[in-house]
Each structure stands twice: as structure tokens, then as C-alpha cells.
Amino acid sequence: MEGILRTASQQAASYVSDYELIIVDNASDDDSVQVLKKLTAQDGLPNLQVYALTKEVSSDSAAWVGLENALGDFVAVIDPMSDDIAFLPQMLEKAVEGADVVFANNRKKPRQSLPYRAAYSAFHWLYQSFNGIDLANEAPSYRLLSKRVINFILQHPQPSVTYRHLPATGGFARANMEYSAEPAAGSVKKLGESVDRGMRLLVSTTQAPMRLVTSLSLFGAAANLLYSIYVIVVGVFKADVAPGWVSLSLQQSGMFFLISLVLLVLGEYILHMASLTNEGPLYHVGQEFTSARMTRKEKLNIETVASQAASINTQTARVGT
């Protein structure tokens, strides 16, 4: 760890004159905190900030801890185990050119188990179907954000959750870049934790899953209503109906019709409550441009010159008298 941080500090110092290196310890169970504490001493690394969490959280939440405590105009989120810090200068160039968000996607991925890769593909397919954005390729975790984007995310009720997708969907000037570098270490991710994190991200950023539930409830209510009509028609026009079939069928269809209506109402109520809790700011100025020529200011300048000329004429007339 110490070698990685020293290398990162040297590289950052060669890129910019003023920087800060923020490390978030995600409740590690080894001596990482002690090592980081020594690196913040007088003879340690310069511009180093360390935040040690009391309990382990998701990688996105840990990244947001560093983001909301950063002071720079641009903040880069880097995982030293999978991201290449040597690609940061190209990202900074894009940011200086006017991009508020710069994503960097590494073509070489750490090796994971087959079940994890299958769940990973299924989640990103669902997310792209519901939200219209591919998180893996269009909004990877290696990113550089301007302070304007961070302030925008701060206005949302759950910034640590919406941080993952808002930079790509917030309407800011964005640049997507690709590079190829071998990951420093292939850390195997746990499937259960990844599924839990993916489900929370999916249900917190879109109403499509719950809307699907309400649509199925509406379909179920309509289907049971049609089935009840069918049972009544059969009971009226058919003479060889089995005894008790009509009453039993009407009882079952009526019961499922009521259950479907209850689920429909509950689903719509949950959607309404979710829209209130996840509602962000009414508006946010993503970019602002001003014309080099302002007629209002030009008019004010003309009026100022005219008043000065009138004052000079008045003074001249007084001197003449």
C-alpha cells in the first residue's frame, strides 16, 4: 500500500502543482489504518487525507466519502487495484478543455467467477433497459468530476447512491475515454454483496421495476374480471356444467381480482412515496455561457459618455460667463 501511495503522490505532483490525495479506508481488518496514519506524519507524504470508516460500505459509498470531503476544482476517483493513474493526465486535458465529467474505461478487466460475470451482465442489461445507459461502458467507476457536478449530486437525498449514475445522466459536458492497462491485482468480488448493491442501485434510480409490478397487477385484475364474465356466460348457456364449478370459479376469480387491485393501489402508493423521497432539485445550471458583447452594457457606456459630455459643456458655459 505504501509503495502505491508514494507512486501516486509522485505522479500527481508531476501533473499539477497543487493537489490532495484522499484515501478512504473501508473498515479494513489489517494494519492499513496504522500504515496510513504513519504516512500522514511530518516525514510522510504531503497533501494526504485519510478517512477510516467504522463499518464496511459499498465501493460507491466509500468513493463518495472522499468526493464530498475534497476541496479541489476537479476530483478523480481511482481504485489503485484496477485503475491506471498514469492515464490521469489525458483525463485532466479533457476537463481543462471544458468537460465537467470524464470517464475512463479500462479494456482489461480483473478476472471474476462465472456466476459473477453472469450476474454482472444481467444487471447491466436490465439497467440499460430501464435507464437507457450502460453503466459499465458509459459510466465506469474511474472518473474525474468537476466541483460543479459534486455540488449537483449533493442536492439529492441519497448522493452516495445516485453518485454512480448522475454524472452520466445529469446533462453535464461529458467525455468518455478508453485505455488498456493490466490491473494491479485481480480482487475477487463477492457475488452476494454485488447483487445486493446492484438491486439497491436499480430500484433507487428508476421506477421501472415497480411500474412493472403495478402493470402486472392491473393485468391480473383485468384477466380475473374477464374470467368471471366467462364463467357467468358458461353457467348461463351451458347445460352440462359440473355442479359447484360456477360458484367455485367465481369465488377464486373474485378473490384474485381483489388481491390484484390491492397490489395495484399499494404499488402506486409506493411509487408516489419513492418519487417524493428521491426527488432532486427542481433545476440545476449545468453550464453557463455569456456573450462577449452585451448591448445593455454598451448602452450604459454611451449614457455615461453622454452625461460626461453634458457635464463638460455645463462647466465650459460657467467659465464663459
Protein backbone atom coordinates (compact mmCIF):
# COMPACT_ATOMS: atom_id res chain seq x y z
CA MET A 1 0.00 0.00 0.00
CA GLU A 2 2.75 2.46 0.93
CA GLY A 3 4.50 1.91 -2.39
CA ILE A 4 1.29 2.55 -4.33
CA LEU A 5 0.60 5.76 -2.44
CA ARG A 6 4.13 7.07 -2.90
CA THR A 7 3.95 6.38 -6.61
CA ALA A 8 0.56 8.07 -6.81
CA SER A 9 1.87 11.09 -4.90
CA GLN A 10 4.87 11.44 -7.20
CA GLN A 11 2.73 11.16 -10.31
CA ALA A 12 0.16 13.66 -9.02
CA ALA A 13 2.93 16.13 -8.17
CA SER A 14 4.22 15.87 -11.73
CA TYR A 15 0.76 16.64 -13.16
CA VAL A 16 -0.34 19.63 -11.05
CA SER A 17 1.30 22.00 -8.59
CA ASP A 18 -1.50 21.92 -6.02
CA TYR A 19 -3.24 18.63 -5.22
CA GLU A 20 -4.59 16.50 -2.39
CA LEU A 21 -4.50 12.73 -2.08
CA ILE A 22 -7.60 11.39 -0.30
CA ILE A 23 -7.62 7.79 0.97
CA VAL A 24 -10.80 6.11 2.26
CA ASP A 25 -10.19 3.02 4.37
CA ASN A 26 -13.30 0.88 4.04
CA ALA A 27 -13.18 -0.67 7.54
CA SER A 28 -10.15 -2.85 6.77
CA ASP A 29 -9.28 -5.58 9.29
CA ASP A 30 -5.48 -5.38 8.91
CA ASP A 31 -2.92 -2.73 9.86
CA SER A 32 -3.82 -0.43 6.95
CA VAL A 33 -5.03 2.38 9.23
CA GLN A 34 -1.76 2.38 11.18
CA VAL A 35 0.26 2.49 7.98
CA LEU A 36 -1.84 5.36 6.68
CA LYS A 37 -1.50 7.20 10.00
CA LYS A 38 2.30 7.00 9.76
CA LEU A 39 2.17 8.35 6.21
CA THR A 40 0.41 11.48 7.49
CA ALA A 41 3.28 12.28 9.86
CA GLN A 42 5.81 15.07 9.33
CA ASP A 43 8.16 12.79 7.37
CA GLY A 44 5.32 11.11 5.46
CA LEU A 45 3.53 12.02 2.25
CA PRO A 46 2.42 15.59 1.56
CA ASN A 47 -1.21 16.60 0.96
CA LEU A 48 -2.54 13.28 2.27
CA GLN A 49 -6.02 12.98 3.78
CA VAL A 50 -7.20 9.70 5.33
CA TYR A 51 -10.78 8.80 6.24
CA ALA A 52 -11.19 5.49 8.09
CA LEU A 53 -14.75 4.15 8.10
CA THR A 54 -16.17 2.36 11.14
CA LYS A 55 -18.05 -0.22 9.07
CA GLU A 56 -17.67 -1.57 5.57
CA VAL A 57 -19.84 0.04 2.89
CA SER A 58 -20.15 -0.34 -0.86
CA SER A 59 -17.38 0.92 -3.10
CA ASP A 60 -19.62 3.72 -4.40
CA SER A 61 -20.41 4.92 -0.87
CA ALA A 62 -16.71 4.81 0.06
CA ALA A 63 -15.85 6.82 -3.04
CA TRP A 64 -18.47 9.41 -2.14
CA VAL A 65 -16.86 9.88 1.29
CA GLY A 66 -13.75 11.13 -0.47
CA LEU A 67 -15.67 13.18 -3.01
CA GLU A 68 -17.72 15.19 -0.55
CA ASN A 69 -14.61 15.98 1.51
CA ALA A 70 -12.48 17.05 -1.47
CA LEU A 71 -11.56 20.70 -1.93
CA GLY A 72 -10.16 20.76 -5.47
CA ASP A 73 -11.83 22.08 -8.59
CA PHE A 74 -11.55 18.59 -10.13
CA VAL A 75 -11.68 15.28 -8.25
CA ALA A 76 -10.61 11.93 -9.69
CA VAL A 77 -11.96 8.65 -8.29
CA ILE A 78 -9.29 5.96 -8.61
CA ASP A 79 -9.13 2.35 -7.47
CA PRO A 80 -5.37 1.62 -7.44
CA MET A 81 -6.03 -2.10 -7.76
CA SER A 82 -7.83 -1.82 -11.10
CA ASP A 83 -7.34 1.74 -12.46
CA ASP A 84 -4.21 3.21 -14.00
CA ILE A 85 -3.29 6.58 -12.50
CA ALA A 86 -0.89 7.16 -15.39
CA PHE A 87 -3.95 7.84 -17.59
CA LEU A 88 -4.99 10.78 -15.40
CA PRO A 89 -3.17 13.48 -17.48
CA GLN A 90 -5.31 12.68 -20.54
CA MET A 91 -8.42 12.96 -18.38
CA LEU A 92 -7.25 16.31 -16.99
CA GLU A 93 -6.74 17.61 -20.52
CA LYS A 94 -10.36 16.81 -21.36
CA ALA A 95 -11.51 18.52 -18.17
CA VAL A 96 -9.47 21.65 -18.91
CA GLU A 97 -11.00 21.72 -22.40
CA GLY A 98 -14.46 22.06 -20.84
CA ALA A 99 -15.69 18.59 -19.80
CA ASP A 100 -17.32 18.51 -16.35
CA VAL A 101 -17.31 14.70 -16.32
CA VAL A 102 -14.58 12.47 -17.75
CA PHE A 103 -15.00 8.68 -17.69
CA ALA A 104 -12.12 6.28 -18.32
CA ASN A 105 -12.88 2.67 -19.19
CA ASN A 106 -10.16 0.03 -18.93
CA ARG A 107 -10.49 -2.61 -21.64
CA LYS A 108 -8.73 -5.16 -19.44
CA LYS A 109 -10.91 -6.27 -16.53
CA PRO A 110 -9.95 -8.26 -13.41
CA ARG A 111 -10.87 -11.92 -13.67
CA GLN A 112 -14.05 -12.86 -11.85
CA SER A 113 -16.00 -16.07 -11.37
CA LEU A 114 -18.50 -17.28 -13.96
CA PRO A 115 -21.58 -16.67 -11.71
CA TYR A 116 -20.37 -13.13 -11.02
CA ARG A 117 -19.89 -12.41 -14.73
CA ALA A 118 -23.36 -13.76 -15.49
CA ALA A 119 -24.99 -11.64 -12.78
CA TYR A 120 -22.90 -8.64 -13.90
CA SER A 121 -24.14 -8.95 -17.50
CA ALA A 122 -27.76 -9.46 -16.41
CA PHE A 123 -27.70 -6.40 -14.14
CA HIS A 124 -26.22 -4.08 -16.75
CA TRP A 125 -28.67 -5.33 -19.36
CA LEU A 126 -31.59 -4.58 -17.02
CA TYR A 127 -30.18 -1.20 -16.05
CA GLN A 128 -29.68 -0.21 -19.66
CA SER A 129 -33.21 -1.37 -20.50
CA PHE A 130 -34.73 0.70 -17.67
CA ASN A 131 -32.48 3.80 -17.74
CA GLY A 132 -31.05 3.84 -21.25
CA ILE A 133 -27.41 3.94 -20.08
CA ASP A 134 -24.74 1.25 -19.89
CA LEU A 135 -23.05 1.77 -16.52
CA ALA A 136 -20.13 -0.50 -17.34
CA ASN A 137 -19.06 1.33 -20.52
CA GLU A 138 -20.70 4.77 -20.33
CA ALA A 139 -20.28 5.45 -16.58
CA PRO A 140 -17.37 3.37 -15.21
CA SER A 141 -16.08 3.88 -11.68
CA TYR A 142 -12.83 5.53 -12.86
CA ARG A 143 -13.94 9.13 -13.35
CA LEU A 144 -12.98 12.76 -12.97
CA LEU A 145 -15.65 15.19 -11.77
CA SER A 146 -15.71 18.95 -11.51
CA LYS A 147 -16.83 20.65 -8.32
CA ARG A 148 -19.98 21.74 -10.13
CA VAL A 149 -21.02 18.11 -10.62
CA ILE A 150 -20.29 17.25 -6.99
CA ASN A 151 -22.40 20.17 -5.77
CA PHE A 152 -25.21 18.97 -8.04
CA ILE A 153 -25.09 15.44 -6.58
CA LEU A 154 -25.06 16.88 -3.06
CA GLN A 155 -28.54 18.29 -3.63
CA HIS A 156 -30.03 14.80 -3.93
CA PRO A 157 -31.37 12.95 -0.87
CA GLN A 158 -29.08 9.92 -1.39
CA PRO A 159 -25.89 11.22 -3.01
CA SER A 160 -23.85 8.11 -2.20
CA VAL A 161 -26.29 6.04 -4.29
CA THR A 162 -27.05 8.46 -7.11
CA TYR A 163 -23.35 9.34 -7.45
CA ARG A 164 -22.87 6.32 -9.72
CA HIS A 165 -25.27 7.35 -12.49
CA LEU A 166 -26.00 11.09 -12.06
CA PRO A 167 -22.76 12.33 -13.68
CA ALA A 168 -23.75 10.46 -16.85
CA THR A 169 -27.43 11.46 -16.85
CA GLY A 170 -27.33 14.97 -15.36
CA GLY A 171 -26.78 16.78 -18.67
CA PHE A 172 -23.22 17.95 -17.97
CA ALA A 173 -20.50 18.20 -20.59
CA ARG A 174 -19.13 14.65 -20.67
CA ALA A 175 -16.19 12.84 -22.24
CA ASN A 176 -15.74 9.05 -22.41
CA MET A 177 -12.24 7.70 -22.87
CA GLU A 178 -10.71 4.24 -23.13
CA TYR A 179 -7.29 2.85 -22.27
CA SER A 180 -5.68 -0.53 -21.88
CA ALA A 181 -3.69 -1.41 -18.76
CA GLU A 182 -3.24 -4.60 -16.79
CA PRO A 183 -4.98 -4.38 -13.38
CA ALA A 184 -2.57 -4.30 -10.47
CA ALA A 185 -4.46 -7.04 -8.63
CA GLY A 186 -7.46 -9.14 -9.51
CA SER A 187 -9.54 -8.94 -6.35
CA VAL A 188 -12.40 -11.42 -6.48
CA LYS A 189 -15.68 -9.69 -5.67
CA LYS A 190 -18.38 -11.39 -3.64
CA LEU A 191 -21.47 -12.24 -5.64
CA GLY A 192 -23.94 -11.74 -2.76
CA GLU A 193 -22.70 -8.24 -1.93
CA SER A 194 -22.65 -7.27 -5.60
CA VAL A 195 -26.23 -8.47 -6.14
CA ASP A 196 -27.40 -6.52 -3.09
CA ARG A 197 -25.61 -3.36 -4.26
CA GLY A 198 -26.96 -3.78 -7.78
CA MET A 199 -30.55 -4.21 -6.62
CA ARG A 200 -30.35 -1.11 -4.42
CA LEU A 201 -28.93 0.88 -7.31
CA LEU A 202 -31.57 -0.42 -9.69
CA VAL A 203 -34.59 0.33 -7.51
CA SER A 204 -33.28 3.69 -6.29
CA THR A 205 -32.56 5.18 -9.71
CA THR A 206 -35.62 4.14 -11.69
CA GLN A 207 -39.31 3.39 -11.15
CA ALA A 208 -39.40 0.82 -13.94
CA PRO A 209 -39.28 -2.33 -11.73
CA MET A 210 -42.15 -1.12 -9.54
CA ARG A 211 -44.02 0.10 -12.60
CA LEU A 212 -43.72 -3.45 -13.98
CA VAL A 213 -45.27 -4.79 -10.76
CA THR A 214 -48.21 -2.38 -10.99
CA SER A 215 -48.69 -3.25 -14.67
CA LEU A 216 -48.83 -6.95 -13.82
CA SER A 217 -51.33 -6.21 -11.05
CA LEU A 218 -53.53 -4.31 -13.47
CA PHE A 219 -53.26 -7.14 -15.98
CA GLY A 220 -54.15 -9.67 -13.26
CA ALA A 221 -57.23 -7.69 -12.21
CA ALA A 222 -58.41 -7.37 -15.82
CA ALA A 223 -57.77 -11.07 -16.54
CA ASN A 224 -59.74 -12.19 -13.48
CA LEU A 225 -62.60 -9.87 -14.39
CA LEU A 226 -62.76 -11.34 -17.89
CA TYR A 227 -62.59 -14.83 -16.45
CA SER A 228 -65.52 -14.07 -14.16
CA ILE A 229 -67.57 -12.93 -17.18
CA TYR A 230 -66.57 -16.11 -18.99
CA VAL A 231 -67.71 -18.25 -16.04
CA ILE A 232 -71.08 -16.47 -15.92
CA VAL A 233 -71.59 -16.94 -19.69
CA VAL A 234 -70.75 -20.65 -19.42
CA GLY A 235 -73.10 -21.06 -16.46
CA VAL A 236 -75.95 -19.38 -18.35
CA PHE A 237 -75.63 -21.02 -21.78
CA LYS A 238 -74.18 -24.43 -20.91
CA ALA A 239 -76.42 -27.12 -19.53
CA ASP A 240 -73.80 -29.78 -18.65
CA VAL A 241 -71.71 -27.71 -16.24
CA ALA A 242 -70.21 -29.63 -13.30
CA PRO A 243 -72.00 -28.89 -10.01
CA GLY A 244 -70.24 -26.21 -7.99
CA TRP A 245 -67.87 -25.20 -10.80
CA VAL A 246 -69.50 -21.81 -11.40
CA SER A 247 -69.57 -20.77 -7.73
CA LEU A 248 -66.01 -22.02 -7.07
CA SER A 249 -64.64 -20.29 -10.17
CA LEU A 250 -66.39 -17.02 -9.35
CA GLN A 251 -65.10 -17.20 -5.80
CA GLN A 252 -61.49 -17.73 -6.91
CA SER A 253 -61.58 -15.13 -9.68
CA GLY A 254 -63.21 -12.57 -7.38
CA MET A 255 -60.61 -13.18 -4.69
CA PHE A 256 -57.66 -12.80 -7.11
CA PHE A 257 -59.35 -9.73 -8.63
CA LEU A 258 -59.43 -8.04 -5.22
CA ILE A 259 -55.82 -9.08 -4.46
CA SER A 260 -54.67 -7.64 -7.78
CA LEU A 261 -56.47 -4.36 -7.06
CA VAL A 262 -54.87 -4.17 -3.61
CA LEU A 263 -51.41 -4.76 -5.09
CA LEU A 264 -52.09 -2.14 -7.75
CA VAL A 265 -53.05 0.51 -5.20
CA LEU A 266 -50.12 -0.37 -2.92
CA GLY A 267 -47.71 -0.27 -5.87
CA GLU A 268 -48.90 3.15 -6.97
CA TYR A 269 -48.66 4.42 -3.40
CA ILE A 270 -45.09 3.12 -3.10
CA LEU A 271 -44.20 4.76 -6.42
CA HIS A 272 -45.59 8.06 -5.18
CA MET A 273 -43.64 7.85 -1.92
CA ALA A 274 -40.45 6.89 -3.77
CA SER A 275 -40.82 9.83 -6.13
CA LEU A 276 -41.08 12.17 -3.12
CA THR A 277 -38.09 10.74 -1.27
CA ASN A 278 -35.83 10.51 -4.36
CA GLU A 279 -36.83 13.87 -5.77
CA GLY A 280 -33.83 16.01 -6.57
CA PRO A 281 -33.54 19.78 -7.07
CA LEU A 282 -36.07 21.49 -9.32
CA TYR A 283 -33.28 22.69 -11.57
CA HIS A 284 -29.52 22.98 -11.71
CA VAL A 285 -27.46 25.09 -14.08
CA GLY A 286 -25.12 22.63 -15.76
CA GLN A 287 -23.31 25.14 -17.97
CA GLU A 288 -23.37 28.90 -18.33
CA PHE A 289 -22.18 30.99 -21.26
CA THR A 290 -22.12 34.76 -21.66
CA SER A 291 -21.81 36.69 -24.89
CA ALA A 292 -18.64 38.74 -25.34
CA ARG A 293 -20.84 41.67 -26.38
CA MET A 294 -23.58 42.92 -24.10
CA THR A 295 -25.78 45.64 -25.63
CA ARG A 296 -27.05 46.60 -22.20
CA LYS A 297 -23.53 47.40 -21.05
CA GLU A 298 -22.76 49.18 -24.30
CA LYS A 299 -25.84 51.33 -23.80
CA LEU A 300 -24.79 52.12 -20.26
CA ASN A 301 -21.37 53.18 -21.52
CA ILE A 302 -22.95 55.51 -24.12
CA GLU A 303 -25.16 57.09 -21.48
CA THR A 304 -22.14 57.57 -19.23
CA VAL A 305 -20.17 59.26 -22.01
CA ALA A 306 -23.15 61.47 -22.86
CA SER A 307 -23.56 62.56 -19.26
CA GLN A 308 -19.84 63.32 -19.03
CA ALA A 309 -20.05 65.42 -22.20
CA ALA A 310 -23.04 67.34 -20.82
CA SER A 311 -21.14 67.98 -17.59
CA ILE A 312 -18.16 69.33 -19.53
CA ASN A 313 -20.41 71.65 -21.58
CA THR A 314 -22.00 72.96 -18.41
CA GLN A 315 -18.66 73.69 -16.82
CA THR A 316 -17.49 75.43 -20.01
CA ALA A 317 -20.58 77.62 -20.07
CA ARG A 318 -19.99 78.62 -16.45
CA VAL A 319 -16.38 79.53 -17.17
CA GLY A 320 -17.52 81.64 -20.18
CA THR A 321 -19.97 83.62 -18.10
